[in-house]
Amino acid sequence: MILDEPGKAEKKKKKLIILVFKLFTGRTNAYLVKRKAAGGVQFSRDPFNLTNENKRKYAGYSSSKAIGVQPTENSVVVLSKKPAAVNQPAKALIANEYRKTASKRQIYKGVAATAKNYRNDLIPAAVARASAISYAKAHKREPPAKSVRGGKAALQFGLESTEAAA
């Protein structure tokens, strides 16, 4: 088939992808979370969706190029898809791990570089998610122990209160 315009087939393919997303996966999918109480808001639990919005632009399951940032126990993992292995999900996944010992700047640079290789429009969202994850891991503090005062302290340590002694 001879096309009179270069890129015409890609435009048709893109329109078809948009149509399929709107008709089939836009309303219902495994990652969709609907909240009627909050005014009908729709969120996504897709691991490749950086903003957690149910929009085709951010949907990782329908895109051949996708990136995701996930927390683990001691690190931040940047997940990405190989565009060449779209039909082989097990082989399509690439995981880059940034340990807790890595500096924040190293993590941000690595996340931005990975996102730049895939989709430039997702760089700010990827860096923001990595930043939030590293901040949450760094600032976990246990609350200070509560000290008992007054009559409770006297009873706890076996001391007589001043009122009982008088």
Protein backbone atom coordinates (compact mmCIF):
# COMPACT_ATOMS: atom_id res chain seq x y z
CA MET A 1 0.00 0.00 0.00
CA ILE A 2 1.45 3.33 -1.04
CA LEU A 3 0.74 6.26 1.22
CA ASP A 4 0.76 9.76 -0.18
CA GLU A 5 1.86 11.34 3.12
CA PRO A 6 4.69 10.14 5.32
CA GLY A 7 3.42 9.46 8.82
CA LYS A 8 -0.19 9.02 7.73
CA ALA A 9 -0.23 5.42 8.95
CA GLU A 10 1.13 6.50 12.34
CA LYS A 11 -1.59 9.13 12.69
CA LYS A 12 -4.27 6.53 11.96
CA LYS A 13 -2.68 4.15 14.45
CA LYS A 14 -2.62 6.86 17.12
CA LYS A 15 -6.28 7.70 16.51
CA LEU A 16 -7.17 4.02 16.76
CA ILE A 17 -5.31 3.71 20.08
CA ILE A 18 -7.18 6.74 21.44
CA LEU A 19 -10.50 5.31 20.29
CA VAL A 20 -9.80 1.89 21.82
CA PHE A 21 -8.78 3.52 25.12
CA LYS A 22 -11.94 5.62 25.25
CA LEU A 23 -14.30 2.80 24.31
CA PHE A 24 -12.86 -0.14 26.20
CA THR A 25 -10.34 0.68 28.89
CA GLY A 26 -11.23 4.27 29.73
CA ARG A 27 -14.36 3.33 31.65
CA THR A 28 -13.32 0.04 33.24
CA ASN A 29 -10.03 -1.73 33.79
CA ALA A 30 -8.23 -3.60 36.54
CA TYR A 31 -6.40 -0.50 37.79
CA LEU A 32 -9.36 1.88 37.88
CA VAL A 33 -10.58 3.29 41.22
CA LYS A 34 -13.83 5.27 41.15
CA ARG A 35 -15.00 7.47 44.01
CA LYS A 36 -18.61 8.61 43.71
CA ALA A 37 -18.53 10.32 47.10
CA ALA A 38 -15.78 12.67 45.90
CA GLY A 39 -17.73 13.87 42.88
CA GLY A 40 -17.05 10.95 40.54
CA VAL A 41 -13.27 11.21 40.61
CA GLN A 42 -11.39 8.41 38.84
CA PHE A 43 -7.89 7.31 39.84
CA SER A 44 -5.56 4.60 38.58
CA ARG A 45 -3.43 2.08 40.49
CA ASP A 46 -1.33 1.29 37.43
CA PRO A 47 2.35 0.93 38.46
CA PHE A 48 3.38 2.79 35.30
CA ASN A 49 0.99 5.69 35.93
CA LEU A 50 3.02 8.42 37.65
CA THR A 51 0.18 10.81 38.41
CA ASN A 52 -2.47 8.21 39.34
CA GLU A 53 -4.98 9.93 37.03
CA ASN A 54 -7.21 7.84 34.78
CA LYS A 55 -6.13 9.47 31.51
CA ARG A 56 -4.72 7.94 28.35
CA LYS A 57 -1.69 10.21 28.51
CA TYR A 58 -0.56 8.72 31.82
CA ALA A 59 -1.84 5.14 31.38
CA GLY A 60 1.14 2.80 31.33
CA TYR A 61 -0.70 -0.39 30.45
CA SER A 62 -1.85 0.98 27.09
CA SER A 63 1.43 2.66 26.16
CA SER A 64 4.40 0.88 24.60
CA LYS A 65 6.76 3.38 26.27
CA ALA A 66 6.05 3.76 29.96
CA ILE A 67 7.93 4.56 33.14
CA GLY A 68 7.02 4.07 36.79
CA VAL A 69 8.60 4.84 40.16
CA GLN A 70 7.86 2.46 43.04
CA PRO A 71 9.06 2.28 46.66
CA THR A 72 10.68 -0.80 48.16
CA GLU A 73 11.90 -1.42 51.68
CA ASN A 74 15.34 0.18 51.29
CA SER A 75 15.28 1.78 47.86
CA VAL A 76 13.46 3.50 45.03
CA VAL A 77 12.90 1.39 41.90
CA VAL A 78 12.42 2.96 38.47
CA LEU A 79 10.45 0.61 36.20
CA SER A 80 10.40 1.04 32.45
CA LYS A 81 9.06 -0.87 29.47
CA LYS A 82 11.02 -1.96 26.42
CA PRO A 83 9.09 -0.79 23.37
CA ALA A 84 10.46 -3.73 21.37
CA ALA A 85 8.95 -6.35 23.70
CA VAL A 86 5.39 -5.04 23.97
CA ASN A 87 3.80 -8.46 23.43
CA GLN A 88 6.11 -10.18 25.95
CA PRO A 89 5.33 -8.62 29.34
CA ALA A 90 7.93 -10.61 31.29
CA LYS A 91 10.74 -9.48 29.00
CA ALA A 92 9.48 -5.93 28.60
CA LEU A 93 10.21 -4.84 32.18
CA ILE A 94 13.45 -3.07 33.14
CA ALA A 95 14.07 -2.16 36.79
CA ASN A 96 16.72 0.31 37.96
CA GLU A 97 17.17 0.36 41.72
CA TYR A 98 18.50 3.31 43.71
CA ARG A 99 19.50 2.28 47.22
CA LYS A 100 18.92 4.29 50.35
CA THR A 101 22.64 5.13 50.46
CA ALA A 102 22.45 6.97 47.12
CA SER A 103 22.22 10.73 47.41
CA LYS A 104 18.98 12.44 46.49
CA ARG A 105 20.67 14.18 43.59
CA GLN A 106 21.83 10.83 42.17
CA ILE A 107 18.31 9.46 42.45
CA TYR A 108 16.75 12.50 40.77
CA LYS A 109 19.32 12.53 37.97
CA GLY A 110 18.85 8.80 37.35
CA VAL A 111 15.08 9.08 37.30
CA ALA A 112 15.19 12.10 34.99
CA ALA A 113 17.63 10.37 32.62
CA THR A 114 15.48 7.24 32.47
CA ALA A 115 12.32 9.29 31.87
CA LYS A 116 14.07 11.36 29.20
CA ASN A 117 14.92 8.22 27.26
CA TYR A 118 11.27 7.19 27.25
CA ARG A 119 8.95 10.20 27.46
CA ASN A 120 10.02 13.79 28.06
CA ASP A 121 6.58 14.88 29.23
CA LEU A 122 6.77 12.55 32.26
CA ILE A 123 10.10 13.83 33.66
CA PRO A 124 8.56 16.23 36.23
CA ALA A 125 6.04 13.63 37.42
CA ALA A 126 8.73 10.93 37.75
CA VAL A 127 11.10 13.20 39.68
CA ALA A 128 8.26 14.39 41.93
CA ARG A 129 7.25 10.82 42.77
CA ALA A 130 10.88 9.77 43.45
CA SER A 131 11.28 12.86 45.63
CA ALA A 132 8.17 12.06 47.65
CA ILE A 133 9.24 8.44 48.12
CA SER A 134 12.77 9.32 49.25
CA TYR A 135 11.44 12.04 51.57
CA ALA A 136 8.97 9.62 53.15
CA LYS A 137 11.72 7.06 53.72
CA ALA A 138 14.20 9.58 55.16
CA HIS A 139 11.92 11.29 57.66
CA LYS A 140 10.38 8.41 59.56
CA ARG A 141 10.82 9.16 63.23
CA GLU A 142 9.32 7.48 66.23
CA PRO A 143 7.38 9.76 68.53
CA PRO A 144 9.08 10.52 71.85
CA ALA A 145 8.05 8.43 74.84
CA LYS A 146 5.35 10.03 76.92
CA SER A 147 6.39 10.88 80.44
CA VAL A 148 3.86 10.53 83.20
CA ARG A 149 3.52 13.40 85.62
CA GLY A 150 1.90 14.12 88.92
CA GLY A 151 -0.08 11.48 90.77
CA LYS A 152 0.41 8.86 88.03
CA ALA A 153 4.18 9.17 88.30
CA ALA A 154 4.03 8.76 92.07
CA LEU A 155 1.96 5.60 91.74
CA GLN A 156 4.17 4.22 88.98
CA PHE A 157 7.44 4.67 90.84
CA GLY A 158 6.08 3.77 94.29
CA LEU A 159 6.45 7.28 95.67
CA GLU A 160 3.92 8.84 97.92
CA SER A 161 2.27 11.89 96.59
CA THR A 162 2.69 15.15 98.50
CA GLU A 163 -1.00 15.26 99.36
CA ALA A 164 -0.96 11.78 100.95
CA ALA A 165 2.10 12.61 103.06
CA ALA A 166 0.54 15.79 104.47
